[in-house]
Amino acid sequence: MRLFLASEGSDPRTIKNLESYLGGFSGKSVVYIPTARNGLGLSNTWKDSDTWKFLNSSGMNVTSVQLEDYIYNLDIKLFENKDILWFSGGTASYLMYWIMRTGFDQMLPKILEKSLYVGSSAGSMVTGPNLNVCEWYIGETERGAKNIPALKLVDFDIYPHFDDSLYGNIKEKYKGKKMYLLKNGEEIIVEGNDRAGGAKISVIGEERVIEG
């Protein structure tokens, strides 16, 4: 399993780091999942986003899947033989609802045997042990998020779009085990199964950690 967990996927520094990690974009295939963005009340605006514009100019073979369109009929074939699954930023609890509603969570382990998981903001947050951070995320709280399961792909939390001025407030609120604070332009690369132990975890940028 390989995860590329970014604070902001469309940041030019992150795109450069991803390109380096992949050995180039040309010829790669990517499925873009904009569902989290729809949760912000921005339904059907994702084609105007910087990420979508980048993907379509990257030289990659790009398709999109809005999970809301597949309530009962999400087919694993949509994701087979793809190099990248790219989960957009937005509302993490909304994204997780649709991941579970469609049964996508049950398909992911098999898909991620071959595909790279790329997360941006909310797309990164859902990979953790729970969504408790979303319940109090400063400036963008998601009431009830703590009641929705996360993917549990990694054993740590991610706080995206971090700013130094927020550190004291975040440290006071955080009650989890371990959380990485990522500024835009930074990301975490995970290779292997972190939940089972032994995964290689690399922070691209400054490593900032709060431990409970």
C-alpha atoms as a PDB file:
ATOM      1  CA  MET A   1       0.000   0.000   0.000  1.00  0.00           C
ATOM      2  CA  ARG A   2       1.267   3.446  -0.914  1.00  0.00           C
ATOM      3  CA  LEU A   3      -0.250   6.724   0.249  1.00  0.00           C
ATOM      4  CA  PHE A   4       0.664  10.284  -0.731  1.00  0.00           C
ATOM      5  CA  LEU A   5      -1.132  12.466   1.824  1.00  0.00           C
ATOM      6  CA  ALA A   6      -0.994  16.185   1.125  1.00  0.00           C
ATOM      7  CA  SER A   7      -2.261  19.314   2.815  1.00  0.00           C
ATOM      8  CA  GLU A   8      -3.237  20.867  -0.531  1.00  0.00           C
ATOM      9  CA  GLY A   9      -2.981  18.665  -3.598  1.00  0.00           C
ATOM     10  CA  SER A  10      -3.028  21.512  -6.104  1.00  0.00           C
ATOM     11  CA  ASP A  11      -0.112  23.366  -4.494  1.00  0.00           C
ATOM     12  CA  PRO A  12       2.708  23.631  -7.086  1.00  0.00           C
ATOM     13  CA  ARG A  13       5.260  22.322  -4.574  1.00  0.00           C
ATOM     14  CA  THR A  14       3.147  19.255  -3.859  1.00  0.00           C
ATOM     15  CA  ILE A  15       2.594  18.619  -7.557  1.00  0.00           C
ATOM     16  CA  LYS A  16       6.343  18.784  -8.108  1.00  0.00           C
ATOM     17  CA  ASN A  17       6.957  16.349  -5.242  1.00  0.00           C
ATOM     18  CA  LEU A  18       4.323  13.960  -6.562  1.00  0.00           C
ATOM     19  CA  GLU A  19       5.796  14.097 -10.044  1.00  0.00           C
ATOM     20  CA  SER A  20       9.199  13.250  -8.629  1.00  0.00           C
ATOM     21  CA  TYR A  21       7.793  10.386  -6.559  1.00  0.00           C
ATOM     22  CA  LEU A  22       5.999   8.912  -9.570  1.00  0.00           C
ATOM     23  CA  GLY A  23       8.922   9.394 -11.930  1.00  0.00           C
ATOM     24  CA  GLY A  24       6.804  11.663 -14.130  1.00  0.00           C
ATOM     25  CA  PHE A  25       3.128  12.009 -14.970  1.00  0.00           C
ATOM     26  CA  SER A  26       3.147  11.153 -18.656  1.00  0.00           C
ATOM     27  CA  GLY A  27       1.189   8.011 -19.470  1.00  0.00           C
ATOM     28  CA  LYS A  28      -0.098   7.500 -15.918  1.00  0.00           C
ATOM     29  CA  SER A  29      -3.807   6.844 -15.306  1.00  0.00           C
ATOM     30  CA  VAL A  30      -5.711   8.608 -12.525  1.00  0.00           C
ATOM     31  CA  VAL A  31      -9.242   8.487 -11.146  1.00  0.00           C
ATOM     32  CA  TYR A  32     -10.218  11.802  -9.567  1.00  0.00           C
ATOM     33  CA  ILE A  33     -12.842  11.605  -6.781  1.00  0.00           C
ATOM     34  CA  PRO A  34     -14.268  15.107  -6.085  1.00  0.00           C
ATOM     35  CA  THR A  35     -16.942  13.998  -3.608  1.00  0.00           C
ATOM     36  CA  ALA A  36     -15.448  15.809  -0.586  1.00  0.00           C
ATOM     37  CA  ARG A  37     -15.595  19.096  -2.504  1.00  0.00           C
ATOM     38  CA  ASN A  38     -19.291  18.552  -3.154  1.00  0.00           C
ATOM     39  CA  GLY A  39     -19.764  18.399   0.622  1.00  0.00           C
ATOM     40  CA  LEU A  40     -18.806  22.072   0.863  1.00  0.00           C
ATOM     41  CA  GLY A  41     -21.922  22.982  -1.101  1.00  0.00           C
ATOM     42  CA  LEU A  42     -19.821  23.289  -4.248  1.00  0.00           C
ATOM     43  CA  SER A  43     -21.507  20.489  -6.174  1.00  0.00           C
ATOM     44  CA  ASN A  44     -20.602  20.349  -9.854  1.00  0.00           C
ATOM     45  CA  THR A  45     -17.993  23.122  -9.517  1.00  0.00           C
ATOM     46  CA  TRP A  46     -15.018  20.759  -9.299  1.00  0.00           C
ATOM     47  CA  LYS A  47     -14.363  21.005 -13.038  1.00  0.00           C
ATOM     48  CA  ASP A  48     -13.422  24.645 -12.419  1.00  0.00           C
ATOM     49  CA  SER A  49     -10.954  23.709  -9.663  1.00  0.00           C
ATOM     50  CA  ASP A  50      -7.190  24.093  -9.922  1.00  0.00           C
ATOM     51  CA  THR A  51      -6.766  20.358  -9.344  1.00  0.00           C
ATOM     52  CA  TRP A  52      -9.005  19.338 -12.234  1.00  0.00           C
ATOM     53  CA  LYS A  53      -7.309  21.827 -14.541  1.00  0.00           C
ATOM     54  CA  PHE A  54      -3.893  20.514 -13.519  1.00  0.00           C
ATOM     55  CA  LEU A  55      -4.889  16.879 -14.018  1.00  0.00           C
ATOM     56  CA  ASN A  56      -6.139  17.551 -17.524  1.00  0.00           C
ATOM     57  CA  SER A  57      -2.926  19.314 -18.487  1.00  0.00           C
ATOM     58  CA  SER A  58      -0.592  16.813 -16.810  1.00  0.00           C
ATOM     59  CA  GLY A  59      -0.279  14.263 -19.598  1.00  0.00           C
ATOM     60  CA  MET A  60      -2.103  11.662 -17.517  1.00  0.00           C
ATOM     61  CA  ASN A  61      -5.153   9.677 -18.580  1.00  0.00           C
ATOM     62  CA  VAL A  62      -7.849  11.199 -16.351  1.00  0.00           C
ATOM     63  CA  THR A  63     -11.323   9.987 -15.417  1.00  0.00           C
ATOM     64  CA  SER A  64     -13.627  11.198 -12.642  1.00  0.00           C
ATOM     65  CA  VAL A  65     -15.945   9.363 -10.282  1.00  0.00           C
ATOM     66  CA  GLN A  66     -18.460  11.217  -8.097  1.00  0.00           C
ATOM     67  CA  LEU A  67     -19.434   8.622  -5.520  1.00  0.00           C
ATOM     68  CA  GLU A  68     -22.891  10.178  -5.196  1.00  0.00           C
ATOM     69  CA  ASP A  69     -23.663   8.915  -8.699  1.00  0.00           C
ATOM     70  CA  TYR A  70     -23.154   5.287  -7.641  1.00  0.00           C
ATOM     71  CA  ILE A  71     -25.411   4.739  -4.620  1.00  0.00           C
ATOM     72  CA  TYR A  72     -26.086   1.085  -5.396  1.00  0.00           C
ATOM     73  CA  ASN A  73     -23.879   0.264  -8.351  1.00  0.00           C
ATOM     74  CA  LEU A  74     -20.283   1.289  -7.678  1.00  0.00           C
ATOM     75  CA  ASP A  75     -18.164  -1.156  -9.659  1.00  0.00           C
ATOM     76  CA  ILE A  76     -14.564  -1.962  -8.729  1.00  0.00           C
ATOM     77  CA  LYS A  77     -13.805  -2.051 -12.460  1.00  0.00           C
ATOM     78  CA  LEU A  78     -13.909   1.768 -12.446  1.00  0.00           C
ATOM     79  CA  PHE A  79     -10.677   1.722 -10.447  1.00  0.00           C
ATOM     80  CA  GLU A  80      -8.870  -1.366 -11.669  1.00  0.00           C
ATOM     81  CA  ASN A  81      -5.505  -0.939 -13.370  1.00  0.00           C
ATOM     82  CA  LYS A  82      -5.305   2.745 -12.414  1.00  0.00           C
ATOM     83  CA  ASP A  83      -2.009   4.200 -11.233  1.00  0.00           C
ATOM     84  CA  ILE A  84      -3.587   6.809  -8.940  1.00  0.00           C
ATOM     85  CA  LEU A  85      -6.770   7.364  -6.932  1.00  0.00           C
ATOM     86  CA  TRP A  86      -6.931  11.085  -6.177  1.00  0.00           C
ATOM     87  CA  PHE A  87      -9.291  12.177  -3.372  1.00  0.00           C
ATOM     88  CA  SER A  88     -10.028  15.901  -3.345  1.00  0.00           C
ATOM     89  CA  GLY A  89     -10.254  18.249  -0.402  1.00  0.00           C
ATOM     90  CA  GLY A  90     -13.549  19.408   1.058  1.00  0.00           C
ATOM     91  CA  THR A  91     -15.677  17.864   3.804  1.00  0.00           C
ATOM     92  CA  ALA A  92     -14.159  14.699   5.260  1.00  0.00           C
ATOM     93  CA  SER A  93     -17.325  13.409   6.952  1.00  0.00           C
ATOM     94  CA  TYR A  94     -19.317  13.838   3.736  1.00  0.00           C
ATOM     95  CA  LEU A  95     -16.648  11.940   1.802  1.00  0.00           C
ATOM     96  CA  MET A  96     -16.613   9.095   4.340  1.00  0.00           C
ATOM     97  CA  TYR A  97     -20.399   8.850   4.277  1.00  0.00           C
ATOM     98  CA  TRP A  98     -20.314   8.217   0.540  1.00  0.00           C
ATOM     99  CA  ILE A  99     -17.317   5.911   0.746  1.00  0.00           C
ATOM    100  CA  MET A 100     -19.334   3.737   3.115  1.00  0.00           C
ATOM    101  CA  ARG A 101     -22.712   4.275   1.417  1.00  0.00           C
ATOM    102  CA  THR A 102     -21.358   2.904  -1.862  1.00  0.00           C
ATOM    103  CA  GLY A 103     -19.257   0.145  -0.295  1.00  0.00           C
ATOM    104  CA  PHE A 104     -16.092   1.749  -1.615  1.00  0.00           C
ATOM    105  CA  ASP A 105     -14.356   1.124   1.717  1.00  0.00           C
ATOM    106  CA  GLN A 106     -14.685  -2.623   1.111  1.00  0.00           C
ATOM    107  CA  MET A 107     -13.091  -2.329  -2.327  1.00  0.00           C
ATOM    108  CA  LEU A 108     -10.149  -0.104  -1.346  1.00  0.00           C
ATOM    109  CA  PRO A 109      -7.823  -2.737   0.179  1.00  0.00           C
ATOM    110  CA  LYS A 110      -7.738  -4.684  -3.087  1.00  0.00           C
ATOM    111  CA  ILE A 111      -7.460  -1.531  -5.226  1.00  0.00           C
ATOM    112  CA  LEU A 112      -4.590  -0.160  -3.125  1.00  0.00           C
ATOM    113  CA  GLU A 113      -2.537  -3.279  -3.710  1.00  0.00           C
ATOM    114  CA  LYS A 114      -1.665  -1.677  -7.053  1.00  0.00           C
ATOM    115  CA  SER A 115      -2.818   1.956  -7.023  1.00  0.00           C
ATOM    116  CA  LEU A 116      -1.333   4.967  -5.250  1.00  0.00           C
ATOM    117  CA  TYR A 117      -3.716   6.787  -2.910  1.00  0.00           C
ATOM    118  CA  VAL A 118      -3.342  10.561  -3.264  1.00  0.00           C
ATOM    119  CA  GLY A 119      -5.195  12.623  -0.686  1.00  0.00           C
ATOM    120  CA  SER A 120      -5.665  16.369  -0.518  1.00  0.00           C
ATOM    121  CA  SER A 121      -6.796  17.901   2.795  1.00  0.00           C
ATOM    122  CA  ALA A 122     -10.031  16.012   3.615  1.00  0.00           C
ATOM    123  CA  GLY A 123      -8.884  13.247   1.299  1.00  0.00           C
ATOM    124  CA  SER A 124      -5.860  12.840   3.561  1.00  0.00           C
ATOM    125  CA  MET A 125      -7.749  13.181   6.847  1.00  0.00           C
ATOM    126  CA  VAL A 126     -10.084  10.246   6.137  1.00  0.00           C
ATOM    127  CA  THR A 127      -7.162   7.801   6.020  1.00  0.00           C
ATOM    128  CA  GLY A 128      -6.628   8.117   9.782  1.00  0.00           C
ATOM    129  CA  PRO A 129      -8.057   6.218  12.769  1.00  0.00           C
ATOM    130  CA  ASN A 130     -11.144   8.451  13.142  1.00  0.00           C
ATOM    131  CA  LEU A 131     -12.604  11.836  12.173  1.00  0.00           C
ATOM    132  CA  ASN A 132     -12.423  13.408  15.631  1.00  0.00           C
ATOM    133  CA  VAL A 133     -10.165  16.233  14.411  1.00  0.00           C
ATOM    134  CA  CYS A 134     -12.843  17.253  11.903  1.00  0.00           C
ATOM    135  CA  GLU A 135     -15.266  17.779  14.798  1.00  0.00           C
ATOM    136  CA  TRP A 136     -13.203  20.744  16.061  1.00  0.00           C
ATOM    137  CA  TYR A 137     -11.032  21.704  13.062  1.00  0.00           C
ATOM    138  CA  ILE A 138     -10.424  25.421  13.513  1.00  0.00           C
ATOM    139  CA  GLY A 139     -12.563  27.578  11.252  1.00  0.00           C
ATOM    140  CA  GLU A 140     -14.306  24.659   9.555  1.00  0.00           C
ATOM    141  CA  THR A 141     -15.950  22.373  12.107  1.00  0.00           C
ATOM    142  CA  GLU A 142     -17.913  19.301  10.996  1.00  0.00           C
ATOM    143  CA  ARG A 143     -20.513  18.625  13.674  1.00  0.00           C
ATOM    144  CA  GLY A 144     -21.074  14.893  14.114  1.00  0.00           C
ATOM    145  CA  ALA A 145     -17.921  13.880  12.238  1.00  0.00           C
ATOM    146  CA  LYS A 146     -16.643  11.926  15.254  1.00  0.00           C
ATOM    147  CA  ASN A 147     -19.578   9.522  14.830  1.00  0.00           C
ATOM    148  CA  ILE A 148     -18.528   8.510  11.311  1.00  0.00           C
ATOM    149  CA  PRO A 149     -15.800   5.857  10.905  1.00  0.00           C
ATOM    150  CA  ALA A 150     -12.609   6.680   9.012  1.00  0.00           C
ATOM    151  CA  LEU A 151     -10.645   4.405   6.681  1.00  0.00           C
ATOM    152  CA  LYS A 152      -8.030   3.462   9.301  1.00  0.00           C
ATOM    153  CA  LEU A 153      -5.310   3.073   6.694  1.00  0.00           C
ATOM    154  CA  VAL A 154      -2.817   4.788   8.992  1.00  0.00           C
ATOM    155  CA  ASP A 155      -2.488   5.062  12.756  1.00  0.00           C
ATOM    156  CA  PHE A 156      -2.099   8.830  12.930  1.00  0.00           C
ATOM    157  CA  ASP A 157      -4.125  11.982  12.290  1.00  0.00           C
ATOM    158  CA  ILE A 158      -3.400  14.771   9.824  1.00  0.00           C
ATOM    159  CA  TYR A 159      -4.128  18.466  10.342  1.00  0.00           C
ATOM    160  CA  PRO A 160      -3.949  20.124   6.901  1.00  0.00           C
ATOM    161  CA  HIS A 161      -3.473  23.838   6.102  1.00  0.00           C
ATOM    162  CA  PHE A 162      -1.564  24.329   9.356  1.00  0.00           C
ATOM    163  CA  ASP A 163      -0.458  27.804  10.387  1.00  0.00           C
ATOM    164  CA  ASP A 164       2.019  28.439  13.208  1.00  0.00           C
ATOM    165  CA  SER A 165      -0.396  30.820  14.930  1.00  0.00           C
ATOM    166  CA  LEU A 166      -2.824  27.932  15.517  1.00  0.00           C
ATOM    167  CA  TYR A 167      -0.407  25.636  17.333  1.00  0.00           C
ATOM    168  CA  GLY A 168      -1.460  26.378  20.916  1.00  0.00           C
ATOM    169  CA  ASN A 169      -5.165  26.058  20.147  1.00  0.00           C
ATOM    170  CA  ILE A 170      -4.652  22.804  18.225  1.00  0.00           C
ATOM    171  CA  LYS A 171      -2.499  21.286  20.975  1.00  0.00           C
ATOM    172  CA  GLU A 172      -5.174  22.076  23.551  1.00  0.00           C
ATOM    173  CA  LYS A 173      -7.943  20.482  21.481  1.00  0.00           C
ATOM    174  CA  TYR A 174      -6.159  17.353  20.268  1.00  0.00           C
ATOM    175  CA  LYS A 175      -6.905  14.231  22.327  1.00  0.00           C
ATOM    176  CA  GLY A 176      -5.664  11.565  19.924  1.00  0.00           C
ATOM    177  CA  LYS A 177      -2.510   9.466  19.786  1.00  0.00           C
ATOM    178  CA  LYS A 178      -0.376  11.202  17.157  1.00  0.00           C
ATOM    179  CA  MET A 179      -1.031  13.982  14.644  1.00  0.00           C
ATOM    180  CA  TYR A 180       1.076  15.492  11.881  1.00  0.00           C
ATOM    181  CA  LEU A 181       0.644  19.217  11.209  1.00  0.00           C
ATOM    182  CA  LEU A 182       1.018  19.906   7.500  1.00  0.00           C
ATOM    183  CA  LYS A 183       1.356  23.277   5.844  1.00  0.00           C
ATOM    184  CA  ASN A 184       0.367  23.679   2.203  1.00  0.00           C
ATOM    185  CA  GLY A 185       3.162  22.350   0.028  1.00  0.00           C
ATOM    186  CA  GLU A 186       3.939  19.533   2.481  1.00  0.00           C
ATOM    187  CA  GLU A 187       2.899  15.888   2.457  1.00  0.00           C
ATOM    188  CA  ILE A 188       3.416  12.481   4.042  1.00  0.00           C
ATOM    189  CA  ILE A 189       4.357   9.401   2.035  1.00  0.00           C
ATOM    190  CA  VAL A 190       3.428   6.030   3.518  1.00  0.00           C
ATOM    191  CA  GLU A 191       4.738   2.797   2.035  1.00  0.00           C
ATOM    192  CA  GLY A 192       3.452  -0.415   3.605  1.00  0.00           C
ATOM    193  CA  ASN A 193       0.737  -1.081   6.190  1.00  0.00           C
ATOM    194  CA  ASP A 194       1.052   1.450   8.993  1.00  0.00           C
ATOM    195  CA  ARG A 195      -1.753  -0.142  11.011  1.00  0.00           C
ATOM    196  CA  ALA A 196       0.112  -3.441  11.052  1.00  0.00           C
ATOM    197  CA  GLY A 197       3.427  -1.760  11.845  1.00  0.00           C
ATOM    198  CA  GLY A 198       6.591  -1.620   9.813  1.00  0.00           C
ATOM    199  CA  ALA A 199       5.463   0.966   7.281  1.00  0.00           C
ATOM    200  CA  LYS A 200       7.942   3.508   5.983  1.00  0.00           C
ATOM    201  CA  ILE A 201       6.682   7.019   6.722  1.00  0.00           C
ATOM    202  CA  SER A 202       8.387  10.018   5.109  1.00  0.00           C
ATOM    203  CA  VAL A 203       7.478  13.643   5.766  1.00  0.00           C
ATOM    204  CA  ILE A 204       8.169  15.965   2.836  1.00  0.00           C
ATOM    205  CA  GLY A 205       8.674  19.336   4.472  1.00  0.00           C
ATOM    206  CA  GLU A 206       9.088  20.166   8.160  1.00  0.00           C
ATOM    207  CA  GLU A 207       8.023  17.413  10.549  1.00  0.00           C
ATOM    208  CA  ARG A 208       5.644  18.762  13.200  1.00  0.00           C
ATOM    209  CA  VAL A 209       3.989  16.255  15.508  1.00  0.00           C
ATOM    210  CA  ILE A 210       1.605  16.520  18.432  1.00  0.00           C
ATOM    211  CA  GLU A 211       1.339  13.369  20.543  1.00  0.00           C
ATOM    212  CA  GLY A 212      -1.418  12.730  23.040  1.00  0.00           C
END
